[in-house]
N, C-alpha and C. Protein backbone atom coordinates (compact mmCIF):
# COMPACT_ATOMS: atom_id res chain seq x y z
N MET A 1 -18.36 16.53 -4.60
CA MET A 1 -17.79 15.60 -4.97
C MET A 1 -17.34 15.69 -3.00
N LYS A 2 -17.23 14.30 -2.37
CA LYS A 2 -16.59 13.76 -1.02
C LYS A 2 -15.03 14.12 -0.88
N ARG A 3 -14.61 14.61 0.49
CA ARG A 3 -13.42 14.43 0.04
C ARG A 3 -12.40 13.23 -0.12
N ALA A 4 -12.83 12.15 0.27
CA ALA A 4 -12.39 10.79 0.43
C ALA A 4 -12.22 10.47 -1.01
N GLU A 5 -13.60 10.82 -1.69
CA GLU A 5 -13.11 10.65 -3.56
C GLU A 5 -12.41 11.24 -3.87
N ARG A 6 -12.10 12.97 -3.52
CA ARG A 6 -11.48 13.52 -4.14
C ARG A 6 -10.05 13.52 -3.40
N LEU A 7 -9.26 12.89 -2.55
CA LEU A 7 -8.11 12.32 -2.48
C LEU A 7 -8.02 11.14 -2.82
N HIS A 8 -8.47 10.53 -3.30
CA HIS A 8 -8.41 9.24 -4.15
C HIS A 8 -8.25 9.90 -5.32
N ALA A 9 -9.06 10.56 -6.53
CA ALA A 9 -8.89 10.94 -7.68
C ALA A 9 -7.69 12.26 -7.81
N LEU A 10 -7.39 12.71 -6.61
CA LEU A 10 -6.04 13.47 -6.49
C LEU A 10 -4.67 12.44 -6.77
N SER A 11 -4.78 11.83 -5.65
CA SER A 11 -3.54 10.75 -5.85
C SER A 11 -3.68 9.95 -7.17
N GLU A 12 -4.70 10.02 -7.77
CA GLU A 12 -4.75 8.86 -9.37
C GLU A 12 -4.10 10.21 -10.06
N MET A 13 -4.73 11.36 -10.38
CA MET A 13 -4.26 12.34 -11.25
C MET A 13 -2.70 12.74 -11.27
N LEU A 14 -2.15 12.67 -9.93
CA LEU A 14 -0.76 12.87 -9.48
C LEU A 14 -0.22 11.62 -10.17
N ARG A 15 -0.39 10.56 -10.27
CA ARG A 15 0.08 9.55 -10.62
C ARG A 15 0.10 9.84 -12.28
N ARG A 16 -0.95 9.70 -12.69
CA ARG A 16 -0.81 10.05 -14.21
C ARG A 16 -0.10 11.20 -14.85
N SER A 17 -0.08 12.06 -14.27
CA SER A 17 0.83 13.18 -14.51
C SER A 17 2.33 12.85 -14.67
N GLY A 18 2.89 11.60 -13.92
CA GLY A 18 4.00 11.48 -14.08
C GLY A 18 5.20 12.14 -13.33
N SER A 19 6.38 12.82 -14.04
CA SER A 19 7.54 13.48 -13.72
C SER A 19 7.31 14.95 -13.88
N ARG A 20 6.27 14.70 -14.85
CA ARG A 20 5.96 16.92 -15.02
C ARG A 20 5.37 16.81 -13.55
N GLY A 21 4.75 16.31 -12.83
CA GLY A 21 3.72 17.04 -12.01
C GLY A 21 2.30 17.98 -12.54
N CYS A 22 1.63 18.90 -11.52
CA CYS A 22 0.56 19.11 -11.58
C CYS A 22 0.15 20.62 -10.82
N SER A 23 0.15 21.71 -11.24
CA SER A 23 0.72 23.04 -10.37
C SER A 23 -0.82 22.62 -9.50
N ALA A 24 -0.80 23.29 -8.15
CA ALA A 24 -1.74 23.32 -7.34
C ALA A 24 -3.01 24.23 -8.21
N GLU A 25 -2.84 25.39 -8.62
CA GLU A 25 -3.62 25.88 -9.69
C GLU A 25 -4.57 25.26 -10.39
N ARG A 26 -3.77 24.18 -11.25
CA ARG A 26 -4.39 23.19 -12.27
C ARG A 26 -4.90 22.17 -11.23
N LEU A 27 -4.63 21.86 -10.34
CA LEU A 27 -5.47 20.76 -9.59
C LEU A 27 -7.05 21.76 -8.75
N ALA A 28 -6.91 22.55 -8.39
CA ALA A 28 -8.12 23.18 -7.86
C ALA A 28 -8.73 23.30 -9.25
N ARG A 29 -8.27 23.94 -10.20
CA ARG A 29 -9.25 23.69 -10.98
C ARG A 29 -10.27 22.74 -11.61
N GLU A 30 -9.16 21.69 -11.64
CA GLU A 30 -10.07 20.31 -11.60
C GLU A 30 -10.89 19.91 -11.28
N PHE A 31 -11.14 19.78 -9.65
CA PHE A 31 -11.79 19.78 -8.86
C PHE A 31 -12.47 20.61 -8.05
N ASP A 32 -12.39 22.17 -9.05
CA ASP A 32 -13.43 22.41 -8.46
C ASP A 32 -13.49 23.13 -6.68
N VAL A 33 -12.08 23.77 -6.57
CA VAL A 33 -12.06 23.41 -4.98
C VAL A 33 -10.82 24.80 -5.18
N SER A 34 -10.61 25.28 -3.93
CA SER A 34 -9.52 26.65 -4.08
C SER A 34 -8.45 25.77 -3.94
N VAL A 35 -7.26 26.91 -4.17
CA VAL A 35 -5.85 26.14 -3.99
C VAL A 35 -5.52 25.63 -2.73
N ARG A 36 -6.18 26.60 -1.60
CA ARG A 36 -6.21 26.28 -0.20
C ARG A 36 -5.97 24.56 0.20
N THR A 37 -7.64 24.42 -0.31
CA THR A 37 -7.65 23.58 -0.06
C THR A 37 -7.03 22.14 -1.00
N VAL A 38 -6.83 22.16 -1.87
CA VAL A 38 -5.61 21.24 -2.62
C VAL A 38 -4.70 21.29 -1.78
N LYS A 39 -3.86 22.25 -1.21
CA LYS A 39 -2.66 22.26 -0.68
C LYS A 39 -2.99 21.24 0.98
N ARG A 40 -4.10 21.70 1.21
CA ARG A 40 -4.47 20.87 2.72
C ARG A 40 -4.86 19.47 2.25
N ASP A 41 -5.56 19.12 1.08
CA ASP A 41 -5.41 17.67 0.97
C ASP A 41 -3.84 16.84 0.41
N LEU A 42 -3.56 17.78 -0.15
CA LEU A 42 -1.74 17.26 -0.84
C LEU A 42 -1.39 17.10 0.33
N GLU A 43 -1.11 17.50 1.39
CA GLU A 43 -0.53 17.77 3.15
C GLU A 43 -1.03 16.42 3.78
N ALA A 44 -2.59 16.00 3.76
CA ALA A 44 -3.22 14.95 4.19
C ALA A 44 -2.75 13.66 3.61
N LEU A 45 -2.71 13.80 2.14
CA LEU A 45 -2.18 12.52 1.54
C LEU A 45 -0.58 12.02 1.93
N ASP A 46 -0.02 13.29 2.27
CA ASP A 46 1.49 13.38 2.66
C ASP A 46 1.52 12.19 3.98
N ARG A 47 0.51 12.94 4.75
CA ARG A 47 0.67 12.43 6.15
C ARG A 47 0.12 10.84 6.15
N SER A 48 -0.47 10.52 4.98
CA SER A 48 -0.93 9.17 4.91
C SER A 48 0.03 7.98 4.25
N GLY A 49 1.22 8.52 4.01
CA GLY A 49 2.49 7.68 3.51
C GLY A 49 2.63 7.77 2.28
N ALA A 50 1.51 8.60 1.58
CA ALA A 50 1.73 9.00 0.17
C ALA A 50 2.83 9.41 -0.16
N PRO A 51 3.61 8.68 -1.25
CA PRO A 51 4.94 9.72 -1.48
C PRO A 51 4.61 11.17 -2.23
N ILE A 52 4.79 11.90 -1.72
CA ILE A 52 4.15 13.08 -2.45
C ILE A 52 5.06 13.98 -2.54
N TRP A 53 5.42 14.12 -3.77
CA TRP A 53 6.83 15.04 -3.77
C TRP A 53 6.40 16.74 -4.54
N SER A 54 7.47 17.49 -4.45
CA SER A 54 7.13 19.32 -4.73
C SER A 54 8.10 19.41 -5.49
N ARG A 55 7.72 20.20 -6.17
CA ARG A 55 8.86 21.35 -6.85
C ARG A 55 8.66 22.74 -7.02
N PRO A 56 9.61 23.93 -6.40
CA PRO A 56 8.46 25.42 -6.18
C PRO A 56 9.30 25.99 -7.55
N GLY A 57 8.73 26.61 -7.58
CA GLY A 57 8.59 28.01 -9.09
C GLY A 57 8.09 27.89 -9.73
N PRO A 58 8.38 28.84 -11.17
CA PRO A 58 7.60 28.49 -12.21
C PRO A 58 7.74 27.33 -13.12
N GLY A 59 6.99 26.78 -13.80
CA GLY A 59 6.94 25.38 -13.93
C GLY A 59 7.12 24.43 -12.69
N GLY A 60 6.82 24.71 -11.47
CA GLY A 60 6.67 23.17 -10.47
C GLY A 60 5.33 22.85 -10.24
N GLY A 61 5.52 22.34 -9.21
CA GLY A 61 4.13 21.25 -8.95
C GLY A 61 4.48 20.72 -8.09
N TYR A 62 2.97 19.48 -8.26
CA TYR A 62 3.16 18.51 -7.24
C TYR A 62 3.08 16.93 -8.19
N GLY A 63 3.85 15.85 -7.84
CA GLY A 63 3.60 14.68 -8.18
C GLY A 63 3.48 13.18 -7.04
N LEU A 64 3.63 12.36 -7.61
CA LEU A 64 3.45 11.11 -6.98
C LEU A 64 4.52 10.45 -7.43
N ALA A 65 5.53 9.80 -6.63
CA ALA A 65 6.71 9.40 -7.11
C ALA A 65 6.41 8.16 -7.46
N ALA A 66 6.65 7.65 -8.91
CA ALA A 66 6.63 6.64 -9.87
C ALA A 66 6.83 5.79 -9.07
N TYR A 67 7.66 5.21 -8.28
CA TYR A 67 7.95 3.99 -7.83
C TYR A 67 7.05 3.64 -6.81
N SER A 68 6.24 4.43 -6.06
CA SER A 68 6.02 4.22 -5.14
C SER A 68 4.82 3.26 -4.77
N SER A 69 4.21 3.11 -5.77
CA SER A 69 2.86 1.95 -5.73
C SER A 69 2.82 1.46 -7.16
N LEU A 70 1.90 0.55 -7.24
CA LEU A 70 1.69 -0.58 -8.83
C LEU A 70 0.61 0.23 -9.09
N PRO A 71 0.38 0.09 -10.50
CA PRO A 71 -0.55 0.04 -11.34
C PRO A 71 -2.07 -0.69 -10.64
N PRO A 72 -3.26 -0.25 -11.09
CA PRO A 72 -4.41 -1.03 -10.66
C PRO A 72 -4.77 -2.28 -11.01
N VAL A 73 -5.01 -3.07 -10.35
CA VAL A 73 -5.17 -4.48 -10.91
C VAL A 73 -6.22 -4.86 -10.62
N SER A 74 -6.99 -6.33 -11.12
CA SER A 74 -8.10 -6.40 -11.35
C SER A 74 -7.99 -8.30 -10.87
N LEU A 75 -8.59 -8.33 -9.62
CA LEU A 75 -8.06 -9.57 -8.81
C LEU A 75 -9.95 -10.51 -9.07
N SER A 76 -9.85 -11.69 -9.08
CA SER A 76 -11.39 -12.49 -8.80
C SER A 76 -11.30 -12.67 -7.16
N ALA A 77 -12.61 -12.91 -7.05
CA ALA A 77 -12.41 -13.30 -5.27
C ALA A 77 -11.61 -14.64 -5.04
N PRO A 78 -11.26 -15.90 -5.88
CA PRO A 78 -10.72 -16.59 -5.82
C PRO A 78 -9.14 -16.32 -5.20
N GLN A 79 -8.42 -15.19 -6.80
CA GLN A 79 -7.39 -14.56 -6.26
C GLN A 79 -7.10 -14.25 -5.35
N ALA A 80 -7.90 -13.75 -4.41
CA ALA A 80 -7.78 -12.73 -3.28
C ALA A 80 -7.63 -13.46 -2.14
N VAL A 81 -8.61 -14.71 -1.98
CA VAL A 81 -8.27 -15.92 -1.20
C VAL A 81 -7.10 -16.18 -1.26
N ALA A 82 -6.72 -16.58 -2.39
CA ALA A 82 -5.23 -17.25 -2.60
C ALA A 82 -4.28 -16.35 -1.56
N LEU A 83 -4.71 -15.09 -2.05
CA LEU A 83 -3.48 -14.10 -1.09
C LEU A 83 -3.77 -13.94 0.21
N MET A 84 -4.94 -13.93 0.63
CA MET A 84 -5.03 -13.79 2.22
C MET A 84 -4.28 -14.94 2.60
N ALA A 85 -4.74 -16.41 2.00
CA ALA A 85 -4.47 -17.95 2.59
C ALA A 85 -2.86 -17.80 2.96
N ALA A 86 -2.38 -17.01 1.69
CA ALA A 86 -0.75 -17.40 1.56
C ALA A 86 -0.39 -16.60 2.88
N VAL A 87 -1.33 -15.06 3.36
CA VAL A 87 -0.26 -14.47 3.78
C VAL A 87 -0.84 -15.11 5.15
N SER A 88 -1.88 -15.32 5.52
CA SER A 88 -1.31 -15.95 6.95
C SER A 88 -1.12 -17.50 7.30
N ALA A 89 -1.25 -18.19 6.21
CA ALA A 89 -0.20 -19.14 6.12
C ALA A 89 1.13 -18.92 6.93
N ALA A 90 1.72 -17.66 6.06
CA ALA A 90 2.99 -17.53 6.52
C ALA A 90 3.71 -15.97 7.49
N ARG A 91 3.04 -16.58 8.80
CA ARG A 91 2.50 -15.00 9.68
C ARG A 91 4.02 -14.97 10.31
N ASP A 92 5.02 -16.05 10.24
CA ASP A 92 6.29 -15.57 10.67
C ASP A 92 7.40 -14.94 9.33
N ALA A 93 6.96 -15.33 8.87
CA ALA A 93 7.88 -14.85 7.41
C ALA A 93 8.64 -13.77 7.26
N PRO A 94 9.84 -13.34 6.36
CA PRO A 94 10.03 -11.96 6.62
C PRO A 94 8.86 -11.59 5.94
N TYR A 95 9.06 -9.60 6.03
CA TYR A 95 7.75 -9.10 5.47
C TYR A 95 6.30 -9.34 5.66
N SER A 96 6.29 -10.10 6.61
CA SER A 96 4.82 -10.49 6.60
C SER A 96 3.77 -9.27 7.26
N ASP A 97 4.14 -8.46 7.90
CA ASP A 97 3.35 -7.75 8.28
C ASP A 97 3.50 -7.21 6.68
N SER A 98 4.07 -6.32 6.14
CA SER A 98 3.78 -5.63 5.21
C SER A 98 2.76 -6.51 4.11
N ALA A 99 3.09 -7.75 4.37
CA ALA A 99 2.42 -8.61 3.14
C ALA A 99 0.82 -8.46 3.95
N ALA A 100 0.83 -8.38 4.90
CA ALA A 100 -1.08 -8.44 5.81
C ALA A 100 -1.55 -7.06 5.12
N ALA A 101 -0.41 -5.82 5.63
CA ALA A 101 -1.23 -4.56 5.18
C ALA A 101 -1.70 -4.70 3.89
N GLY A 102 -0.68 -4.95 2.92
CA GLY A 102 -1.06 -5.35 1.24
C GLY A 102 -2.55 -6.05 0.74
N VAL A 103 -2.71 -6.95 1.82
CA VAL A 103 -3.61 -7.91 1.43
C VAL A 103 -4.78 -6.94 2.09
N GLN A 104 -4.73 -6.37 3.40
CA GLN A 104 -5.65 -5.62 3.52
C GLN A 104 -6.19 -4.54 2.66
N LYS A 105 -5.33 -3.96 1.75
CA LYS A 105 -5.53 -2.46 1.01
C LYS A 105 -5.89 -3.38 0.11
N ILE A 106 -5.79 -4.47 -0.44
CA ILE A 106 -6.30 -5.29 -1.67
C ILE A 106 -7.52 -5.45 -1.76
N LEU A 107 -7.99 -5.74 -0.45
CA LEU A 107 -9.50 -6.02 0.09
C LEU A 107 -10.38 -4.69 0.21
N ASP A 108 -9.59 -3.62 0.81
CA ASP A 108 -10.08 -2.30 0.50
C ASP A 108 -10.50 -1.81 -0.86
N VAL A 109 -10.07 -2.42 -1.62
CA VAL A 109 -10.72 -1.82 -3.14
C VAL A 109 -11.10 -2.70 -4.02
N LEU A 110 -11.71 -3.77 -3.35
CA LEU A 110 -12.46 -4.81 -3.94
C LEU A 110 -13.23 -4.15 -4.50
N ASP A 111 -14.40 -4.41 -5.65
CA ASP A 111 -15.69 -4.29 -5.43
C ASP A 111 -16.59 -5.01 -4.33
N PRO A 112 -17.48 -4.09 -3.67
CA PRO A 112 -18.19 -4.81 -2.76
C PRO A 112 -18.92 -6.34 -3.21
N ARG A 113 -19.30 -6.71 -4.24
CA ARG A 113 -19.87 -8.13 -4.66
C ARG A 113 -18.36 -9.34 -4.54
N THR A 114 -17.25 -8.69 -4.94
CA THR A 114 -16.38 -9.67 -5.13
C THR A 114 -15.44 -10.05 -3.69
N ARG A 115 -15.23 -8.76 -3.06
CA ARG A 115 -15.08 -8.52 -1.72
C ARG A 115 -15.72 -9.47 -0.74
N ALA A 116 -16.94 -9.51 -0.38
CA ALA A 116 -18.12 -10.08 0.09
C ALA A 116 -17.72 -12.10 -0.29
N ARG A 117 -17.72 -11.98 -1.65
CA ARG A 117 -17.37 -13.39 -2.26
C ARG A 117 -16.14 -13.82 -1.70
N ALA A 118 -14.89 -13.17 -1.57
CA ALA A 118 -13.62 -13.47 -1.20
C ALA A 118 -13.88 -14.11 0.46
N GLU A 119 -14.50 -12.89 0.97
CA GLU A 119 -14.70 -13.13 2.57
C GLU A 119 -15.41 -14.43 2.92
N GLU A 120 -16.48 -14.85 2.39
CA GLU A 120 -16.99 -15.79 2.14
C GLU A 120 -16.33 -17.32 2.14
N LEU A 121 -15.10 -16.92 1.09
CA LEU A 121 -14.45 -18.22 0.55
C LEU A 121 -13.07 -18.46 1.79
N ALA A 122 -13.09 -17.58 2.10
CA ALA A 122 -12.09 -17.27 3.29
C ALA A 122 -12.32 -17.45 4.24
N TYR A 123 -13.71 -17.20 4.61
CA TYR A 123 -13.90 -18.50 6.30
C TYR A 123 -14.19 -19.28 6.06
N ARG A 124 -14.03 -20.40 5.03
CA ARG A 124 -14.08 -21.55 5.01
C ARG A 124 -12.40 -22.35 4.57
N VAL A 125 -11.42 -21.40 4.95
CA VAL A 125 -10.07 -21.56 4.39
C VAL A 125 -9.66 -21.42 5.81
N TRP A 126 -8.84 -22.72 6.62
CA TRP A 126 -7.83 -22.43 8.13
C TRP A 126 -6.78 -23.14 8.05
N VAL A 127 -5.81 -21.91 8.15
CA VAL A 127 -4.46 -22.04 7.86
C VAL A 127 -3.97 -22.55 9.38
N SER A 128 -3.65 -23.98 9.46
CA SER A 128 -2.43 -24.26 10.79
C SER A 128 -1.64 -23.91 10.59
N ALA A 129 -1.16 -22.49 11.19
CA ALA A 129 0.53 -22.32 11.16
C ALA A 129 1.14 -22.70 12.62
N PRO A 130 2.52 -23.06 12.29
CA PRO A 130 3.10 -23.40 13.60
C PRO A 130 3.28 -21.87 14.74
N PRO A 131 3.50 -22.06 15.99
CA PRO A 131 3.57 -21.05 16.67
C PRO A 131 4.68 -19.68 16.14
N SER A 132 4.06 -18.80 16.87
CA SER A 132 4.83 -17.35 16.06
C SER A 132 6.72 -17.63 16.39
N GLY A 133 7.50 -16.77 15.88
CA GLY A 133 8.50 -16.75 16.54
C GLY A 133 9.38 -15.54 16.72
N SER A 134 10.19 -15.16 17.42
CA SER A 134 10.69 -13.56 17.75
C SER A 134 10.56 -12.91 16.96
N ARG A 135 9.51 -11.60 17.40
CA ARG A 135 9.58 -10.69 16.21
C ARG A 135 10.97 -10.00 15.66
N ALA A 136 11.83 -9.72 16.92
CA ALA A 136 13.00 -9.57 16.63
C ALA A 136 14.09 -9.88 15.67
N ILE A 137 13.88 -11.12 15.86
CA ILE A 137 14.37 -11.93 14.86
C ILE A 137 14.33 -11.76 13.17
N ARG A 138 12.70 -11.70 13.34
CA ARG A 138 12.16 -11.29 11.72
C ARG A 138 12.00 -10.03 11.08
N SER A 139 12.42 -8.94 12.35
CA SER A 139 12.98 -8.12 12.26
C SER A 139 14.23 -7.57 11.29
N ALA A 140 15.70 -8.57 12.25
CA ALA A 140 16.77 -8.34 12.03
C ALA A 140 16.88 -8.81 10.82
N VAL A 141 16.06 -10.31 10.18
CA VAL A 141 16.45 -10.61 9.22
C VAL A 141 15.42 -9.66 7.75
N GLU A 142 14.90 -9.03 7.92
CA GLU A 142 14.16 -8.17 6.70
C GLU A 142 14.63 -7.36 6.74
N GLU A 143 15.54 -6.30 7.77
CA GLU A 143 16.39 -5.47 7.82
C GLU A 143 17.97 -5.55 6.67
N ALA A 144 18.35 -7.16 7.04
CA ALA A 144 19.50 -7.57 6.48
C ALA A 144 18.89 -7.76 4.79
N MET A 145 17.86 -8.22 4.63
CA MET A 145 17.59 -8.53 3.37
C MET A 145 17.16 -6.91 2.63
N ALA A 146 16.91 -6.00 2.95
CA ALA A 146 16.19 -5.01 2.27
C ALA A 146 17.78 -4.08 2.11
N GLU A 147 18.87 -4.33 3.27
CA GLU A 147 20.13 -3.64 3.01
C GLU A 147 21.26 -4.82 2.13
N GLN A 148 20.83 -5.95 1.95
CA GLN A 148 21.63 -6.66 1.28
C GLN A 148 22.73 -6.94 2.00
N ARG A 149 22.44 -7.78 3.10
CA ARG A 149 23.62 -8.15 4.44
C ARG A 149 23.46 -9.08 4.37
N VAL A 150 24.49 -9.87 3.96
CA VAL A 150 24.60 -11.60 4.89
C VAL A 150 24.48 -12.22 6.15
N VAL A 151 23.51 -12.74 6.67
CA VAL A 151 22.89 -12.71 8.18
C VAL A 151 23.62 -13.94 8.13
N ARG A 152 24.38 -14.75 9.59
CA ARG A 152 24.50 -15.50 9.84
C ARG A 152 23.67 -16.30 10.73
N ILE A 153 22.84 -17.56 10.66
CA ILE A 153 21.88 -18.22 11.40
C ILE A 153 22.48 -19.16 11.95
N ARG A 154 22.74 -19.43 13.18
CA ARG A 154 22.89 -20.58 13.73
C ARG A 154 21.95 -21.29 14.61
N TYR A 155 21.63 -22.43 14.15
CA TYR A 155 20.51 -23.61 14.69
C TYR A 155 21.16 -24.44 15.76
N THR A 156 20.82 -24.31 16.83
CA THR A 156 20.88 -25.09 18.02
C THR A 156 19.57 -25.86 18.76
N SER A 157 19.66 -27.16 18.49
CA SER A 157 18.88 -28.29 18.60
C SER A 157 18.28 -27.93 20.66
N GLN A 158 16.74 -27.77 20.86
CA GLN A 158 16.54 -27.93 21.89
C GLN A 158 16.52 -28.95 22.62
N ALA A 159 16.68 -29.93 21.83
CA ALA A 159 16.51 -31.37 22.42
C ALA A 159 17.82 -31.86 23.23
């Protein structure tokens, strides 16, 4: 098994293990590698942003935070294109950077035929978006929304 495949399988096994987690020894047996290799793989997943947790001692192990991601979903080519179009149309909306990254992740996991069809359809979709606003303002709005703070926005006409 190639390392990339093992990392994906490892993250899926951690997700399925839930709150009880898996020991490094069990993971090593499952993937027919050394405990040292499993720990390097876990470190690589952690560095990539996967929310890996560990619990030391007897009965401990490793797991993936339950809140961290959605379970696998299946999208049709038109659904993938709809998401791509919506994200490109709302380039200046709050969380647009996260939405674009999410769409890219969706495209990365689509089967090759569906991805090719989605890209073919997306090539035909053109979105005319207004000029971009200040990234600093969008960041402030995103932060306020995440922290549930009230934001006062004052509009001044340029005319």
